[in-house]
Amino acid sequence: MSNKTLVKAYKYRIYPSNSQIKQFAYHNELLRNLYNSALEHRITSYKKHNISISLYDQLNELPEIIKDNPEYKSIHSQVLQNCLKRVDDAFQRFFDRCKSRKPNEKVGFPRFKKFNSYKSFTFPQSGFSIIDKKDTRRGKKHQSKLKLSKIGEVKISFHRDILGKIKTCTIKKEKTGKWFVTLVAEYSPIPLEKTGKNIGLDRNLLNYLTDDQGNVIENPRFAKQEQKELAKVNRKLSKTEKKSADREHRKKIVQRVNERIVNKRENFAHQESAKLVKENDVLCIEKLSVKKMMENAEHNNISRSIADVSWSRFALNMIYKAENAGRLLVQINPAYTSQMCSKCFKLKEMALDERIYRCERASCMNVMDRDQNAAVNILRLGLQSVNLTEL
C-alpha cells in the first residue's frame, strides 16, 4: 500500500423535492449577492484607498455581515466561507494570467455574477453526510440519502461506493435542470500487479486509437450518431417565440441531447482508458495541444471532429487512472512521429490522405499502416525518455 494520497471526484444524481429545489435556488441567489459584494469591496478599497483586501480580511468580516443580514443564517457557515474563497480564487487566476500574458494580450478581470448565474455551492469540510435509510417498499432494502446541514435529507442515486475519506461536497444544477452532487475524496492508491506489457498509442480522427501492434479502437463518432436528432430539436427551437415558456422548454430538450452526447463520450473514454491502464505497465501517448489544433483547423468539420473524439478527456483519464494503478504514463512530443520510419528512422513527408507508410530507403523498404507506424515511434520515444527498453 502506497503512502501517497490522491483525490478523486465522484458525481451522483440527486432528486431534491420541490421545496428543496426552492431552497437551493434561494441559497444560490444569496451566495451570488455575497460574491458580488465581496468583489465590489475589493475593487472599491483598492481604487479609493489603494488597499488590497485579502481573503483573511473578508473572512473576519463575515460574522458582522451575517449579523446585518440575518437571511445568511439559513446557510451553513462553511458554505459562506467557500463563497468568499471563490472570489479570492478568481483574483488569483487573474494575477496568474497577468504574469503569463503575451504582449498586448487582454486579461479578463473578475466579473460580477449575473442573475441566475451562480449555480453551485460547496461544503468544504463538514455539514454533509451519506446515510442509508431502511425501505422495504417494492422490495427495496435501503435508500441512500444525502444529509445537508440546514437543508435536510435529499434522495441520491448512490450507484458506486466511495474510496477514501470524503473532503468536500458540491451541489450543482446543470443546464438540463438536473441536480448533481460532487463528492471529492482523499485516498491512497492501490497499485495493480505488473503485466510485463508496454504500449504506444496514436490518436487520430479516422480511428479513435491505434496501438503499436496494429490493434485499432474504432471512432464511435457520437456527435454524428445524434446529428439528425440534434438538427430536429434545434429546428423546433428556432420556431418558438423568444422569451416564451415553450422556448425554455425546447432549450432544455436541446441541452438534453447535447448532454447525452457528452455522457456517451465520457463513458467511452473512461472504459477504454481503464482497459488500457489495466493491461499495460507503461503507456506512451502524444502530448497534444487540442485547443491549438481546433483553432488551427482549416475547416469547421475538422474542428468538430477533434471535439467529438474527446482527446483531452481521454488524456486526463489516462493520467489519473495510471497514477492510481501504479502505472507509468509517458507523454511525448508528437513531432514527426507520423513521418518517421519506425525501422530506419528516415523522415518522409506524407499527405493526410496517405494511409500506408512506405519507406523509400532501399535497405529498409518498411511498409506499414500509417497510424501503427506512428504508434511504434511513440512507444520507442516514450521508453527512451524514461530510460527503459522494450520488454
Protein backbone atom coordinates (compact mmCIF):
# COMPACT_ATOMS: atom_id res chain seq x y z
CA MET A 1 0.00 0.00 0.00
CA SER A 2 1.41 3.38 -1.03
CA ASN A 3 1.73 6.25 1.47
CA LYS A 4 0.91 8.68 -1.32
CA THR A 5 -2.56 10.25 -1.18
CA LEU A 6 -4.65 11.27 -4.17
CA VAL A 7 -8.01 12.98 -4.58
CA LYS A 8 -10.89 11.73 -6.71
CA ALA A 9 -14.26 13.26 -7.54
CA TYR A 10 -17.46 11.18 -7.51
CA LYS A 11 -20.55 12.59 -9.22
CA TYR A 12 -24.07 11.43 -8.31
CA ARG A 13 -27.54 12.45 -9.41
CA ILE A 14 -29.72 13.81 -6.60
CA TYR A 15 -33.50 14.20 -6.52
CA PRO A 16 -34.45 17.16 -4.30
CA SER A 17 -38.11 17.82 -3.52
CA ASN A 18 -39.82 20.95 -4.86
CA SER A 19 -39.29 22.74 -1.54
CA GLN A 20 -35.61 21.74 -1.52
CA ILE A 21 -35.18 23.00 -5.10
CA LYS A 22 -36.57 26.36 -4.00
CA GLN A 23 -34.17 26.30 -1.05
CA PHE A 24 -31.21 25.53 -3.33
CA ALA A 25 -32.19 28.40 -5.63
CA TYR A 26 -32.57 30.75 -2.63
CA HIS A 27 -29.14 29.74 -1.32
CA ASN A 28 -27.52 30.33 -4.71
CA GLU A 29 -29.08 33.77 -5.00
CA LEU A 30 -27.89 34.77 -1.51
CA LEU A 31 -24.41 33.45 -2.34
CA ARG A 32 -24.41 35.38 -5.62
CA ASN A 33 -25.13 38.59 -3.69
CA LEU A 34 -22.36 37.78 -1.20
CA TYR A 35 -19.93 37.06 -4.06
CA ASN A 36 -20.73 40.35 -5.80
CA SER A 37 -20.49 42.31 -2.53
CA ALA A 38 -17.09 40.79 -1.75
CA LEU A 39 -15.88 41.55 -5.27
CA GLU A 40 -17.11 45.15 -5.09
CA HIS A 41 -15.50 45.55 -1.66
CA ARG A 42 -12.11 44.56 -3.06
CA ILE A 43 -12.43 46.82 -6.10
CA THR A 44 -13.57 49.96 -4.22
CA SER A 45 -10.99 49.50 -1.43
CA TYR A 46 -8.19 49.40 -3.96
CA LYS A 47 -9.49 52.24 -6.16
CA LYS A 48 -10.38 54.68 -3.39
CA HIS A 49 -7.88 53.82 -0.66
CA ASN A 50 -5.20 51.81 -2.51
CA ILE A 51 -5.76 48.99 0.00
CA SER A 52 -5.73 45.34 -1.09
CA ILE A 53 -8.32 43.24 0.69
CA SER A 54 -7.30 39.62 1.37
CA LEU A 55 -9.39 36.51 1.87
CA TYR A 56 -8.44 36.56 5.56
CA ASP A 57 -9.82 40.12 5.89
CA GLN A 58 -13.14 39.19 4.32
CA LEU A 59 -13.49 36.00 6.38
CA ASN A 60 -13.03 38.09 9.53
CA GLU A 61 -15.82 40.41 8.40
CA LEU A 62 -18.23 37.52 7.74
CA PRO A 63 -19.77 37.39 11.28
CA GLU A 64 -20.64 41.09 11.00
CA ILE A 65 -22.18 40.52 7.56
CA ILE A 66 -24.35 37.71 8.95
CA LYS A 67 -25.41 39.93 11.84
CA ASP A 68 -26.51 42.71 9.45
CA ASN A 69 -28.13 40.24 7.04
CA PRO A 70 -29.99 37.56 9.09
CA GLU A 71 -31.02 35.69 5.91
CA TYR A 72 -27.47 34.34 5.69
CA LYS A 73 -28.10 32.36 8.88
CA SER A 74 -30.04 29.87 6.74
CA ILE A 75 -26.76 28.86 5.04
CA HIS A 76 -24.05 26.74 6.63
CA SER A 77 -21.10 28.92 7.71
CA GLN A 78 -18.54 26.97 5.67
CA VAL A 79 -20.63 27.39 2.51
CA LEU A 80 -20.44 31.16 3.05
CA GLN A 81 -16.69 30.92 3.62
CA ASN A 82 -16.32 28.94 0.37
CA CYS A 83 -18.16 31.70 -1.49
CA LEU A 84 -15.53 34.22 -0.35
CA LYS A 85 -12.82 31.71 -1.27
CA ARG A 86 -14.23 31.66 -4.83
CA VAL A 87 -13.76 35.44 -5.03
CA ASP A 88 -10.16 35.06 -3.89
CA ASP A 89 -9.56 32.26 -6.40
CA ALA A 90 -10.92 34.47 -9.20
CA PHE A 91 -8.36 37.17 -8.31
CA GLN A 92 -5.52 34.64 -8.04
CA ARG A 93 -6.33 33.32 -11.53
CA PHE A 94 -6.42 36.92 -12.79
CA PHE A 95 -2.97 37.66 -11.33
CA ASP A 96 -1.58 34.42 -12.79
CA ARG A 97 -2.92 35.34 -16.23
CA CYS A 98 -1.34 38.80 -15.92
CA LYS A 99 2.05 37.24 -15.22
CA SER A 100 1.90 34.83 -18.14
CA ARG A 101 0.15 37.03 -20.72
CA LYS A 102 1.72 37.88 -24.05
CA PRO A 103 2.42 41.50 -25.15
CA ASN A 104 -0.80 43.41 -25.97
CA GLU A 105 -2.91 40.47 -24.77
CA LYS A 106 -6.00 41.46 -22.80
CA VAL A 107 -6.62 39.71 -19.49
CA GLY A 108 -10.15 39.36 -18.20
CA PHE A 109 -10.79 40.95 -14.80
CA PRO A 110 -13.04 39.05 -12.32
CA ARG A 111 -16.68 39.75 -13.21
CA PHE A 112 -19.82 40.22 -11.18
CA LYS A 113 -22.23 37.28 -11.25
CA LYS A 114 -25.45 37.93 -13.18
CA PHE A 115 -28.86 36.81 -12.00
CA ASN A 116 -29.22 33.02 -12.03
CA SER A 117 -25.52 32.54 -12.91
CA TYR A 118 -24.40 31.24 -9.50
CA LYS A 119 -25.39 27.58 -9.91
CA SER A 120 -23.48 25.68 -7.23
CA PHE A 121 -22.46 25.81 -3.59
CA THR A 122 -19.83 23.84 -1.68
CA PHE A 123 -19.46 22.40 1.81
CA PRO A 124 -15.63 22.38 2.04
CA GLN A 125 -15.21 20.24 5.19
CA SER A 126 -18.38 19.47 7.12
CA GLY A 127 -22.14 19.92 7.08
CA PHE A 128 -22.93 16.88 4.93
CA SER A 129 -23.07 13.08 5.17
CA ILE A 130 -24.30 10.00 3.29
CA ILE A 131 -26.86 7.94 5.18
CA ASP A 132 -28.78 4.73 4.44
CA LYS A 133 -32.48 4.64 5.19
CA LYS A 134 -34.24 1.29 5.55
CA ASP A 135 -37.01 0.99 2.98
CA THR A 136 -38.91 -2.26 2.47
CA ARG A 137 -41.34 -0.90 -0.14
CA ARG A 138 -41.29 -2.54 -3.59
CA GLY A 139 -38.57 -4.91 -2.45
CA LYS A 140 -36.07 -2.15 -1.76
CA LYS A 141 -33.69 -2.89 1.09
CA HIS A 142 -32.41 0.64 1.64
CA GLN A 143 -32.49 4.14 0.18
CA SER A 144 -29.31 6.23 0.29
CA LYS A 145 -29.74 9.88 1.14
CA LEU A 146 -27.52 12.93 1.29
CA LYS A 147 -27.92 14.85 4.52
CA LEU A 148 -27.15 18.57 4.18
CA SER A 149 -26.92 20.96 7.11
CA LYS A 150 -29.85 23.45 7.28
CA ILE A 151 -31.44 21.77 4.25
CA GLY A 152 -32.29 18.22 5.23
CA GLU A 153 -32.14 14.82 3.57
CA VAL A 154 -32.02 14.63 -0.23
CA LYS A 155 -32.53 11.47 -2.29
CA ILE A 156 -29.35 10.38 -4.05
CA SER A 157 -28.58 7.76 -6.69
CA PHE A 158 -25.59 6.28 -4.86
CA HIS A 159 -24.52 3.94 -7.69
CA ARG A 160 -20.94 3.27 -6.54
CA ASP A 161 -19.01 3.26 -3.28
CA ILE A 162 -16.51 5.96 -2.42
CA LEU A 163 -12.88 5.03 -1.87
CA GLY A 164 -11.24 7.02 0.94
CA LYS A 165 -12.39 9.91 3.10
CA ILE A 166 -14.82 12.49 1.72
CA LYS A 167 -13.40 16.01 1.94
CA THR A 168 -15.83 18.30 0.06
CA CYS A 169 -19.41 18.27 -1.18
CA THR A 170 -20.67 20.45 -4.06
CA ILE A 171 -24.32 20.78 -5.09
CA LYS A 172 -24.83 21.92 -8.69
CA LYS A 173 -27.67 22.44 -11.14
CA GLU A 174 -26.92 21.50 -14.75
CA LYS A 175 -28.33 23.28 -17.82
CA THR A 176 -30.87 20.49 -18.26
CA GLY A 177 -32.39 21.30 -14.85
CA LYS A 178 -30.97 18.16 -13.21
CA TRP A 179 -29.24 18.39 -9.84
CA PHE A 180 -25.99 16.62 -9.03
CA VAL A 181 -23.64 16.31 -6.08
CA THR A 182 -19.86 16.01 -6.50
CA LEU A 183 -18.04 14.43 -3.56
CA VAL A 184 -14.26 14.78 -3.52
CA ALA A 185 -12.46 12.06 -1.54
CA GLU A 186 -8.86 11.66 -0.45
CA TYR A 187 -7.48 8.13 -0.72
CA SER A 188 -4.33 6.01 -1.00
CA PRO A 189 -3.86 4.45 -4.46
CA ILE A 190 -3.80 0.66 -4.84
CA PRO A 191 -1.21 -0.41 -7.46
CA LEU A 192 -2.15 -3.21 -9.86
CA GLU A 193 0.03 -6.26 -10.47
CA LYS A 194 2.64 -5.93 -13.23
CA THR A 195 1.71 -7.32 -16.64
CA GLY A 196 5.08 -7.01 -18.37
CA LYS A 197 3.47 -5.15 -21.29
CA ASN A 198 4.18 -1.69 -22.71
CA ILE A 199 2.11 0.09 -25.33
CA GLY A 200 2.36 3.03 -27.73
CA LEU A 201 -0.86 4.76 -28.74
CA ASP A 202 -1.55 7.02 -31.71
CA ARG A 203 -4.69 9.16 -31.61
CA ASN A 204 -6.23 10.15 -34.92
CA LEU A 205 -9.53 11.19 -36.45
CA LEU A 206 -10.01 8.16 -38.68
CA ASN A 207 -9.81 5.75 -35.74
CA TYR A 208 -10.08 6.57 -32.04
CA LEU A 209 -6.79 4.82 -31.24
CA THR A 210 -4.19 2.65 -32.97
CA ASP A 211 -1.52 0.82 -30.93
CA ASP A 212 1.98 -0.31 -31.88
CA GLN A 213 0.71 -3.84 -32.66
CA GLY A 214 -1.79 -2.54 -35.20
CA ASN A 215 -4.83 -3.02 -32.96
CA VAL A 216 -7.50 -0.40 -33.66
CA ILE A 217 -10.24 1.09 -31.49
CA GLU A 218 -12.88 2.44 -33.85
CA ASN A 219 -14.01 6.06 -33.59
CA PRO A 220 -17.61 5.90 -32.30
CA ARG A 221 -18.48 9.39 -33.68
CA PHE A 222 -21.17 10.08 -31.10
CA ALA A 223 -21.98 13.55 -32.44
CA LYS A 224 -22.62 12.08 -35.88
CA GLN A 225 -24.89 9.43 -34.36
CA GLU A 226 -27.04 12.16 -32.80
CA GLN A 227 -26.74 14.61 -35.72
CA LYS A 228 -30.27 14.07 -37.08
CA GLU A 229 -31.87 14.22 -33.62
CA LEU A 230 -29.91 17.38 -32.75
CA ALA A 231 -30.91 19.06 -36.02
CA LYS A 232 -34.55 18.13 -35.40
CA VAL A 233 -34.73 19.60 -31.89
CA ASN A 234 -32.80 22.73 -32.98
CA ARG A 235 -35.31 23.32 -35.79
CA LYS A 236 -38.18 23.13 -33.32
CA LEU A 237 -36.34 25.53 -31.00
CA SER A 238 -35.80 28.07 -33.79
CA LYS A 239 -39.55 28.18 -34.49
CA THR A 240 -40.50 29.17 -30.93
CA GLU A 241 -41.10 32.73 -29.79
CA LYS A 242 -38.27 34.39 -27.90
CA LYS A 243 -38.61 34.61 -24.10
CA SER A 244 -41.62 32.27 -24.18
CA ALA A 245 -42.20 29.27 -21.90
CA ASP A 246 -42.20 26.99 -24.94
CA ARG A 247 -38.75 28.26 -25.95
CA GLU A 248 -37.34 27.50 -22.49
CA HIS A 249 -38.84 24.01 -22.74
CA ARG A 250 -37.29 23.46 -26.18
CA LYS A 251 -33.92 24.74 -24.92
CA LYS A 252 -33.89 22.04 -22.27
CA ILE A 253 -34.62 19.37 -24.88
CA VAL A 254 -31.65 20.56 -26.98
CA GLN A 255 -29.46 20.58 -23.88
CA ARG A 256 -30.52 17.03 -23.03
CA VAL A 257 -29.47 15.79 -26.47
CA ASN A 258 -26.10 17.54 -26.04
CA GLU A 259 -25.83 16.07 -22.55
CA ARG A 260 -26.43 12.59 -23.97
CA ILE A 261 -23.60 13.08 -26.48
CA VAL A 262 -21.20 14.27 -23.76
CA ASN A 263 -22.15 11.37 -21.46
CA LYS A 264 -21.51 8.84 -24.24
CA ARG A 265 -18.11 10.38 -25.00
CA GLU A 266 -17.04 10.42 -21.36
CA ASN A 267 -18.25 6.89 -20.70
CA PHE A 268 -16.38 5.59 -23.76
CA ALA A 269 -13.18 7.45 -22.76
CA HIS A 270 -13.44 6.03 -19.21
CA GLN A 271 -13.94 2.45 -20.39
CA GLU A 272 -11.13 2.45 -22.96
CA SER A 273 -8.60 4.23 -20.72
CA ALA A 274 -9.38 1.86 -17.80
CA LYS A 275 -8.85 -1.18 -20.02
CA LEU A 276 -5.52 0.11 -21.37
CA VAL A 277 -4.21 1.01 -17.90
CA LYS A 278 -5.22 -2.40 -16.54
CA GLU A 279 -3.40 -4.30 -19.32
CA ASN A 280 -0.12 -2.33 -19.58
CA ASP A 281 2.71 -1.24 -17.28
CA VAL A 282 3.99 1.67 -19.43
CA LEU A 283 1.67 3.67 -21.68
CA CYS A 284 3.12 6.11 -24.20
CA ILE A 285 0.90 8.73 -25.86
CA GLU A 286 1.36 12.02 -27.69
CA LYS A 287 1.15 15.27 -25.74
CA LEU A 288 -1.38 17.12 -27.89
CA SER A 289 -2.44 20.76 -27.64
CA VAL A 290 -6.07 20.10 -28.55
CA LYS A 291 -7.13 23.74 -28.20
CA LYS A 292 -4.49 24.93 -30.70
CA MET A 293 -5.36 22.09 -33.08
CA MET A 294 -9.01 23.18 -33.09
CA GLU A 295 -8.06 26.84 -33.57
CA ASN A 296 -5.73 25.99 -36.48
CA ALA A 297 -8.15 23.58 -38.17
CA GLU A 298 -8.75 24.61 -41.78
CA HIS A 299 -12.44 23.63 -41.74
CA ASN A 300 -15.17 23.63 -39.07
CA ASN A 301 -15.79 19.96 -39.82
CA ILE A 302 -12.25 19.11 -38.71
CA SER A 303 -12.66 21.18 -35.55
CA ARG A 304 -15.94 19.39 -34.74
CA SER A 305 -14.32 16.00 -35.39
CA ILE A 306 -11.49 16.83 -32.99
CA ALA A 307 -14.04 17.81 -30.33
CA ASP A 308 -16.02 14.62 -30.94
CA VAL A 309 -13.09 12.26 -30.26
CA SER A 310 -12.60 13.93 -26.86
CA TRP A 311 -8.79 13.65 -26.80
CA SER A 312 -8.45 15.91 -23.75
CA ARG A 313 -10.85 13.80 -21.68
CA PHE A 314 -9.06 10.60 -22.71
CA ALA A 315 -5.65 12.04 -21.74
CA LEU A 316 -6.94 13.22 -18.34
CA ASN A 317 -8.44 9.78 -17.68
CA MET A 318 -5.15 8.11 -18.58
CA ILE A 319 -3.20 10.40 -16.25
CA TYR A 320 -5.23 9.82 -13.09
CA LYS A 321 -6.00 6.13 -13.77
CA ALA A 322 -2.32 5.38 -14.39
CA GLU A 323 -1.33 7.18 -11.20
CA ASN A 324 -3.97 5.32 -9.21
CA ALA A 325 -2.89 1.92 -10.62
CA GLY A 326 0.85 2.49 -10.21
CA ARG A 327 1.37 2.56 -13.97
CA LEU A 328 3.77 4.83 -15.86
CA LEU A 329 2.20 7.20 -18.39
CA VAL A 330 4.66 8.93 -20.73
CA GLN A 331 3.57 11.85 -22.94
CA ILE A 332 5.94 12.64 -25.80
CA ASN A 333 6.28 15.41 -28.38
CA PRO A 334 4.25 14.25 -31.41
CA ALA A 335 6.52 16.00 -33.95
CA TYR A 336 7.47 13.74 -36.89
CA THR A 337 6.05 10.54 -35.35
CA SER A 338 3.89 10.03 -38.45
CA GLN A 339 6.66 10.98 -40.91
CA MET A 340 9.48 8.88 -39.41
CA CYS A 341 10.08 5.27 -40.43
CA SER A 342 9.77 3.13 -37.32
CA LYS A 343 12.59 0.82 -38.52
CA CYS A 344 15.31 3.01 -40.06
CA PHE A 345 14.12 6.43 -38.72
CA LYS A 346 14.24 8.10 -42.15
CA LEU A 347 11.85 11.07 -42.46
CA LYS A 348 9.33 11.24 -45.27
CA GLU A 349 6.68 13.86 -45.97
CA MET A 350 3.18 12.40 -46.19
CA ALA A 351 -0.18 13.80 -47.26
CA LEU A 352 -3.01 13.44 -44.76
CA ASP A 353 -4.92 11.08 -47.05
CA GLU A 354 -1.90 8.75 -47.43
CA ARG A 355 -2.75 5.87 -45.09
CA ILE A 356 0.16 3.46 -45.74
CA TYR A 357 3.73 4.33 -44.75
CA ARG A 358 6.22 3.14 -47.39
CA CYS A 359 9.87 3.71 -46.55
CA GLU A 360 11.86 4.85 -49.61
CA ARG A 361 15.24 3.70 -48.29
CA ALA A 362 16.41 0.69 -50.34
CA SER A 363 17.92 -1.08 -47.33
CA CYS A 364 14.66 -0.81 -45.37
CA MET A 365 11.54 -0.73 -47.57
CA ASN A 366 9.29 -0.78 -44.49
CA VAL A 367 5.60 -0.93 -45.37
CA MET A 368 3.17 -0.35 -42.51
CA ASP A 369 -0.15 1.26 -41.66
CA ARG A 370 0.48 4.97 -41.12
CA ASP A 371 -1.05 5.06 -37.62
CA GLN A 372 0.66 1.85 -36.47
CA ASN A 373 3.99 3.25 -37.65
CA ALA A 374 3.36 6.39 -35.57
CA ALA A 375 2.39 4.28 -32.53
CA VAL A 376 5.66 2.28 -32.78
CA ASN A 377 7.61 5.57 -32.85
CA ILE A 378 5.63 6.88 -29.88
CA LEU A 379 6.41 3.73 -27.86
CA ARG A 380 10.13 3.88 -28.71
CA LEU A 381 10.47 7.59 -27.89
CA GLY A 382 8.42 7.19 -24.71
CA LEU A 383 10.55 4.31 -23.41
CA GLN A 384 13.76 6.17 -24.31
CA SER A 385 12.61 9.27 -22.39
CA VAL A 386 12.35 7.25 -19.16
CA ASN A 387 15.46 5.15 -19.85
CA LEU A 388 13.57 1.92 -20.46
CA THR A 389 13.90 -0.69 -23.20
CA GLU A 390 11.04 -2.60 -24.73
CA LEU A 391 10.31 -5.90 -22.99
